[in-house]
Amino acid sequence: MPGWVKGFILAGILAAVLLIVTFVAGGGHGPSRHLSGGAGTGAAAVAGQLLPADHG
């Protein structure tokens, strides 16, 4: 097996391990990390669009 293939495999394994560690450790990563405190929650807030309140 060529050296460059081994390098790609090693880099892929390291990237996968880093992702797994990040997901397991948490650390506040994700879309909600970038929202301000008063933006609300839910899919609409994550998408950056606040839905109008139902006044009916």
PDB file of N, CA and C in Angstrom:
ATOM      1  N   MET A   1       0.861  -1.179   0.000  1.00  0.00           N
ATOM      2  CA  MET A   1       0.000   0.000   0.000  1.00  0.00           C
ATOM      3  C   MET A   1       0.908   1.243   0.000  1.00  0.00           C
ATOM      4  N   PRO A   2       0.616   2.202  -0.883  1.00  0.00           N
ATOM      5  CA  PRO A   2       1.442   3.417  -0.945  1.00  0.00           C
ATOM      6  C   PRO A   2       1.369   4.226   0.356  1.00  0.00           C
ATOM      7  N   GLY A   3       2.410   4.988   0.600  1.00  0.00           N
ATOM      8  CA  GLY A   3       2.476   5.796   1.814  1.00  0.00           C
ATOM      9  C   GLY A   3       1.385   6.844   1.902  1.00  0.00           C
ATOM     10  N   TRP A   4       1.020   7.440   0.755  1.00  0.00           N
ATOM     11  CA  TRP A   4       0.002   8.481   0.788  1.00  0.00           C
ATOM     12  C   TRP A   4      -1.358   7.896   1.170  1.00  0.00           C
ATOM     13  N   VAL A   5      -1.625   6.641   0.810  1.00  0.00           N
ATOM     14  CA  VAL A   5      -2.885   5.995   1.190  1.00  0.00           C
ATOM     15  C   VAL A   5      -2.905   5.773   2.703  1.00  0.00           C
ATOM     16  N   LYS A   6      -1.790   5.318   3.245  1.00  0.00           N
ATOM     17  CA  LYS A   6      -1.687   5.131   4.690  1.00  0.00           C
ATOM     18  C   LYS A   6      -1.882   6.457   5.415  1.00  0.00           C
ATOM     19  N   GLY A   7      -1.349   7.538   4.846  1.00  0.00           N
ATOM     20  CA  GLY A   7      -1.520   8.865   5.439  1.00  0.00           C
ATOM     21  C   GLY A   7      -2.970   9.304   5.465  1.00  0.00           C
ATOM     22  N   PHE A   8      -3.683   9.074   4.354  1.00  0.00           N
ATOM     23  CA  PHE A   8      -5.101   9.420   4.307  1.00  0.00           C
ATOM     24  C   PHE A   8      -5.907   8.594   5.306  1.00  0.00           C
ATOM     25  N   ILE A   9      -5.592   7.319   5.412  1.00  0.00           N
ATOM     26  CA  ILE A   9      -6.298   6.456   6.359  1.00  0.00           C
ATOM     27  C   ILE A   9      -6.043   6.931   7.791  1.00  0.00           C
ATOM     28  N   LEU A  10      -4.799   7.232   8.113  1.00  0.00           N
ATOM     29  CA  LEU A  10      -4.463   7.717   9.444  1.00  0.00           C
ATOM     30  C   LEU A  10      -5.160   9.041   9.742  1.00  0.00           C
ATOM     31  N   ALA A  11      -5.170   9.951   8.776  1.00  0.00           N
ATOM     32  CA  ALA A  11      -5.838  11.244   8.967  1.00  0.00           C
ATOM     33  C   ALA A  11      -7.340  11.047   9.166  1.00  0.00           C
ATOM     34  N   GLY A  12      -7.938  10.139   8.429  1.00  0.00           N
ATOM     35  CA  GLY A  12      -9.367   9.863   8.583  1.00  0.00           C
ATOM     36  C   GLY A  12      -9.693   9.279   9.948  1.00  0.00           C
ATOM     37  N   ILE A  13      -8.851   8.367  10.416  1.00  0.00           N
ATOM     38  CA  ILE A  13      -9.067   7.784  11.736  1.00  0.00           C
ATOM     39  C   ILE A  13      -8.930   8.844  12.821  1.00  0.00           C
ATOM     40  N   LEU A  14      -7.917   9.692  12.709  1.00  0.00           N
ATOM     41  CA  LEU A  14      -7.731  10.761  13.696  1.00  0.00           C
ATOM     42  C   LEU A  14      -8.907  11.742  13.692  1.00  0.00           C
ATOM     43  N   ALA A  15      -9.399  12.084  12.513  1.00  0.00           N
ATOM     44  CA  ALA A  15     -10.554  12.994  12.423  1.00  0.00           C
ATOM     45  C   ALA A  15     -11.787  12.356  13.055  1.00  0.00           C
ATOM     46  N   ALA A  16     -12.004  11.069  12.795  1.00  0.00           N
ATOM     47  CA  ALA A  16     -13.147  10.377  13.388  1.00  0.00           C
ATOM     48  C   ALA A  16     -13.039  10.337  14.906  1.00  0.00           C
ATOM     49  N   VAL A  17     -11.843  10.061  15.425  1.00  0.00           N
ATOM     50  CA  VAL A  17     -11.644  10.025  16.881  1.00  0.00           C
ATOM     51  C   VAL A  17     -11.894  11.405  17.481  1.00  0.00           C
ATOM     52  N   LEU A  18     -11.421  12.447  16.832  1.00  0.00           N
ATOM     53  CA  LEU A  18     -11.651  13.799  17.348  1.00  0.00           C
ATOM     54  C   LEU A  18     -13.136  14.155  17.357  1.00  0.00           C
ATOM     55  N   LEU A  19     -13.850  13.774  16.317  1.00  0.00           N
ATOM     56  CA  LEU A  19     -15.294  14.030  16.275  1.00  0.00           C
ATOM     57  C   LEU A  19     -16.018  13.271  17.372  1.00  0.00           C
ATOM     58  N   ILE A  20     -15.656  12.025  17.578  1.00  0.00           N
ATOM     59  CA  ILE A  20     -16.297  11.231  18.625  1.00  0.00           C
ATOM     60  C   ILE A  20     -16.034  11.836  19.992  1.00  0.00           C
ATOM     61  N   VAL A  21     -14.804  12.239  20.242  1.00  0.00           N
ATOM     62  CA  VAL A  21     -14.467  12.860  21.527  1.00  0.00           C
ATOM     63  C   VAL A  21     -15.252  14.159  21.706  1.00  0.00           C
ATOM     64  N   THR A  22     -15.391  14.937  20.655  1.00  0.00           N
ATOM     65  CA  THR A  22     -16.137  16.194  20.732  1.00  0.00           C
ATOM     66  C   THR A  22     -17.601  15.948  21.051  1.00  0.00           C
ATOM     67  N   PHE A  23     -18.208  14.956  20.403  1.00  0.00           N
ATOM     68  CA  PHE A  23     -19.619  14.664  20.655  1.00  0.00           C
ATOM     69  C   PHE A  23     -19.830  14.105  22.056  1.00  0.00           C
ATOM     70  N   VAL A  24     -18.936  13.245  22.506  1.00  0.00           N
ATOM     71  CA  VAL A  24     -19.089  12.639  23.823  1.00  0.00           C
ATOM     72  C   VAL A  24     -18.842  13.675  24.921  1.00  0.00           C
ATOM     73  N   ALA A  25     -17.846  14.510  24.742  1.00  0.00           N
ATOM     74  CA  ALA A  25     -17.487  15.491  25.760  1.00  0.00           C
ATOM     75  C   ALA A  25     -18.492  16.635  25.833  1.00  0.00           C
ATOM     76  N   GLY A  26     -19.238  16.879  24.766  1.00  0.00           N
ATOM     77  CA  GLY A  26     -20.194  17.978  24.766  1.00  0.00           C
ATOM     78  C   GLY A  26     -19.480  19.289  24.547  1.00  0.00           C
ATOM     79  N   GLY A  27     -19.399  20.084  25.578  1.00  0.00           N
ATOM     80  CA  GLY A  27     -18.673  21.335  25.493  1.00  0.00           C
ATOM     81  C   GLY A  27     -19.473  22.481  24.897  1.00  0.00           C
ATOM     82  N   GLY A  28     -20.780  22.327  24.750  1.00  0.00           N
ATOM     83  CA  GLY A  28     -21.607  23.421  24.253  1.00  0.00           C
ATOM     84  C   GLY A  28     -21.463  23.679  22.773  1.00  0.00           C
ATOM     85  N   HIS A  29     -21.081  22.685  22.018  1.00  0.00           N
ATOM     86  CA  HIS A  29     -20.952  22.869  20.578  1.00  0.00           C
ATOM     87  C   HIS A  29     -22.301  22.668  19.911  1.00  0.00           C
ATOM     88  N   GLY A  30     -22.510  23.338  18.792  1.00  0.00           N
ATOM     89  CA  GLY A  30     -23.741  23.182  18.041  1.00  0.00           C
ATOM     90  C   GLY A  30     -24.341  24.523  17.692  1.00  0.00           C
ATOM     91  N   PRO A  31     -25.442  24.496  16.954  1.00  0.00           N
ATOM     92  CA  PRO A  31     -26.058  25.747  16.499  1.00  0.00           C
ATOM     93  C   PRO A  31     -26.529  26.639  17.637  1.00  0.00           C
ATOM     94  N   SER A  32     -27.026  26.063  18.737  1.00  0.00           N
ATOM     95  CA  SER A  32     -27.548  26.882  19.828  1.00  0.00           C
ATOM     96  C   SER A  32     -26.458  27.675  20.531  1.00  0.00           C
ATOM     97  N   ARG A  33     -25.210  27.296  20.335  1.00  0.00           N
ATOM     98  CA  ARG A  33     -24.097  28.012  20.964  1.00  0.00           C
ATOM     99  C   ARG A  33     -23.978  29.439  20.435  1.00  0.00           C
ATOM    100  N   HIS A  34     -24.410  29.670  19.214  1.00  0.00           N
ATOM    101  CA  HIS A  34     -24.237  30.963  18.570  1.00  0.00           C
ATOM    102  C   HIS A  34     -25.452  31.869  18.686  1.00  0.00           C
ATOM    103  N   LEU A  35     -26.486  31.407  19.357  1.00  0.00           N
ATOM    104  CA  LEU A  35     -27.673  32.240  19.535  1.00  0.00           C
ATOM    105  C   LEU A  35     -27.487  33.166  20.719  1.00  0.00           C
ATOM    106  N   SER A  36     -28.066  34.348  20.631  1.00  0.00           N
ATOM    107  CA  SER A  36     -28.023  35.244  21.781  1.00  0.00           C
ATOM    108  C   SER A  36     -29.033  34.761  22.809  1.00  0.00           C
ATOM    109  N   GLY A  37     -28.952  35.271  24.006  1.00  0.00           N
ATOM    110  CA  GLY A  37     -29.816  34.814  25.088  1.00  0.00           C
ATOM    111  C   GLY A  37     -31.291  35.027  24.835  1.00  0.00           C
ATOM    112  N   GLY A  38     -31.695  36.075  24.156  1.00  0.00           N
ATOM    113  CA  GLY A  38     -33.108  36.363  23.967  1.00  0.00           C
ATOM    114  C   GLY A  38     -33.661  35.896  22.637  1.00  0.00           C
ATOM    115  N   ALA A  39     -32.929  35.117  21.889  1.00  0.00           N
ATOM    116  CA  ALA A  39     -33.399  34.719  20.566  1.00  0.00           C
ATOM    117  C   ALA A  39     -34.453  33.639  20.600  1.00  0.00           C
ATOM    118  N   GLY A  40     -34.598  32.933  21.712  1.00  0.00           N
ATOM    119  CA  GLY A  40     -35.584  31.873  21.782  1.00  0.00           C
ATOM    120  C   GLY A  40     -34.951  30.533  21.475  1.00  0.00           C
ATOM    121  N   THR A  41     -35.815  29.532  21.378  1.00  0.00           N
ATOM    122  CA  THR A  41     -35.334  28.180  21.121  1.00  0.00           C
ATOM    123  C   THR A  41     -36.153  27.560  20.013  1.00  0.00           C
ATOM    124  N   GLY A  42     -35.728  26.414  19.582  1.00  0.00           N
ATOM    125  CA  GLY A  42     -36.470  25.683  18.562  1.00  0.00           C
ATOM    126  C   GLY A  42     -35.868  25.851  17.189  1.00  0.00           C
ATOM    127  N   ALA A  43     -36.449  25.142  16.229  1.00  0.00           N
ATOM    128  CA  ALA A  43     -35.914  25.121  14.871  1.00  0.00           C
ATOM    129  C   ALA A  43     -35.975  26.499  14.213  1.00  0.00           C
ATOM    130  N   ALA A  44     -37.021  27.267  14.493  1.00  0.00           N
ATOM    131  CA  ALA A  44     -37.143  28.578  13.870  1.00  0.00           C
ATOM    132  C   ALA A  44     -36.017  29.497  14.332  1.00  0.00           C
ATOM    133  N   ALA A  45     -35.672  29.431  15.615  1.00  0.00           N
ATOM    134  CA  ALA A  45     -34.602  30.277  16.133  1.00  0.00           C
ATOM    135  C   ALA A  45     -33.253  29.812  15.610  1.00  0.00           C
ATOM    136  N   VAL A  46     -33.076  28.508  15.478  1.00  0.00           N
ATOM    137  CA  VAL A  46     -31.817  27.985  14.966  1.00  0.00           C
ATOM    138  C   VAL A  46     -31.619  28.424  13.525  1.00  0.00           C
ATOM    139  N   ALA A  47     -32.699  28.462  12.752  1.00  0.00           N
ATOM    140  CA  ALA A  47     -32.607  28.863  11.358  1.00  0.00           C
ATOM    141  C   ALA A  47     -32.420  30.368  11.222  1.00  0.00           C
ATOM    142  N   GLY A  48     -32.520  31.090  12.324  1.00  0.00           N
ATOM    143  CA  GLY A  48     -32.328  32.528  12.283  1.00  0.00           C
ATOM    144  C   GLY A  48     -33.593  33.292  11.954  1.00  0.00           C
ATOM    145  N   GLN A  49     -34.724  32.610  12.029  1.00  0.00           N
ATOM    146  CA  GLN A  49     -35.998  33.246  11.720  1.00  0.00           C
ATOM    147  C   GLN A  49     -36.914  33.078  12.916  1.00  0.00           C
ATOM    148  N   LEU A  50     -37.394  34.172  13.448  1.00  0.00           N
ATOM    149  CA  LEU A  50     -38.342  34.103  14.519  1.00  0.00           C
ATOM    150  C   LEU A  50     -39.744  34.189  13.947  1.00  0.00           C
ATOM    151  N   LEU A  51     -40.582  33.241  14.311  1.00  0.00           N
ATOM    152  CA  LEU A  51     -41.948  33.213  13.796  1.00  0.00           C
ATOM    153  C   LEU A  51     -42.803  34.199  14.559  1.00  0.00           C
ATOM    154  N   PRO A  52     -43.752  34.878  13.892  1.00  0.00           N
ATOM    155  CA  PRO A  52     -44.620  35.814  14.601  1.00  0.00           C
ATOM    156  C   PRO A  52     -45.527  35.069  15.572  1.00  0.00           C
ATOM    157  N   ALA A  53     -45.841  35.713  16.680  1.00  0.00           N
ATOM    158  CA  ALA A  53     -46.713  35.100  17.675  1.00  0.00           C
ATOM    159  C   ALA A  53     -48.144  35.065  17.149  1.00  0.00           C
ATOM    160  N   ASP A  54     -48.873  34.039  17.543  1.00  0.00           N
ATOM    161  CA  ASP A  54     -50.275  33.902  17.140  1.00  0.00           C
ATOM    162  C   ASP A  54     -51.141  34.731  18.081  1.00  0.00           C
ATOM    163  N   HIS A  55     -51.727  35.807  17.559  1.00  0.00           N
ATOM    164  CA  HIS A  55     -52.540  36.699  18.380  1.00  0.00           C
ATOM    165  C   HIS A  55     -54.014  36.433  18.186  1.00  0.00           C
ATOM    166  N   GLY A  56     -54.377  35.198  17.879  1.00  0.00           N
ATOM    167  CA  GLY A  56     -55.778  34.883  17.589  1.00  0.00           C
ATOM    168  C   GLY A  56     -56.456  34.234  18.651  1.00  0.00           C
TER     169      GLY A  56
END
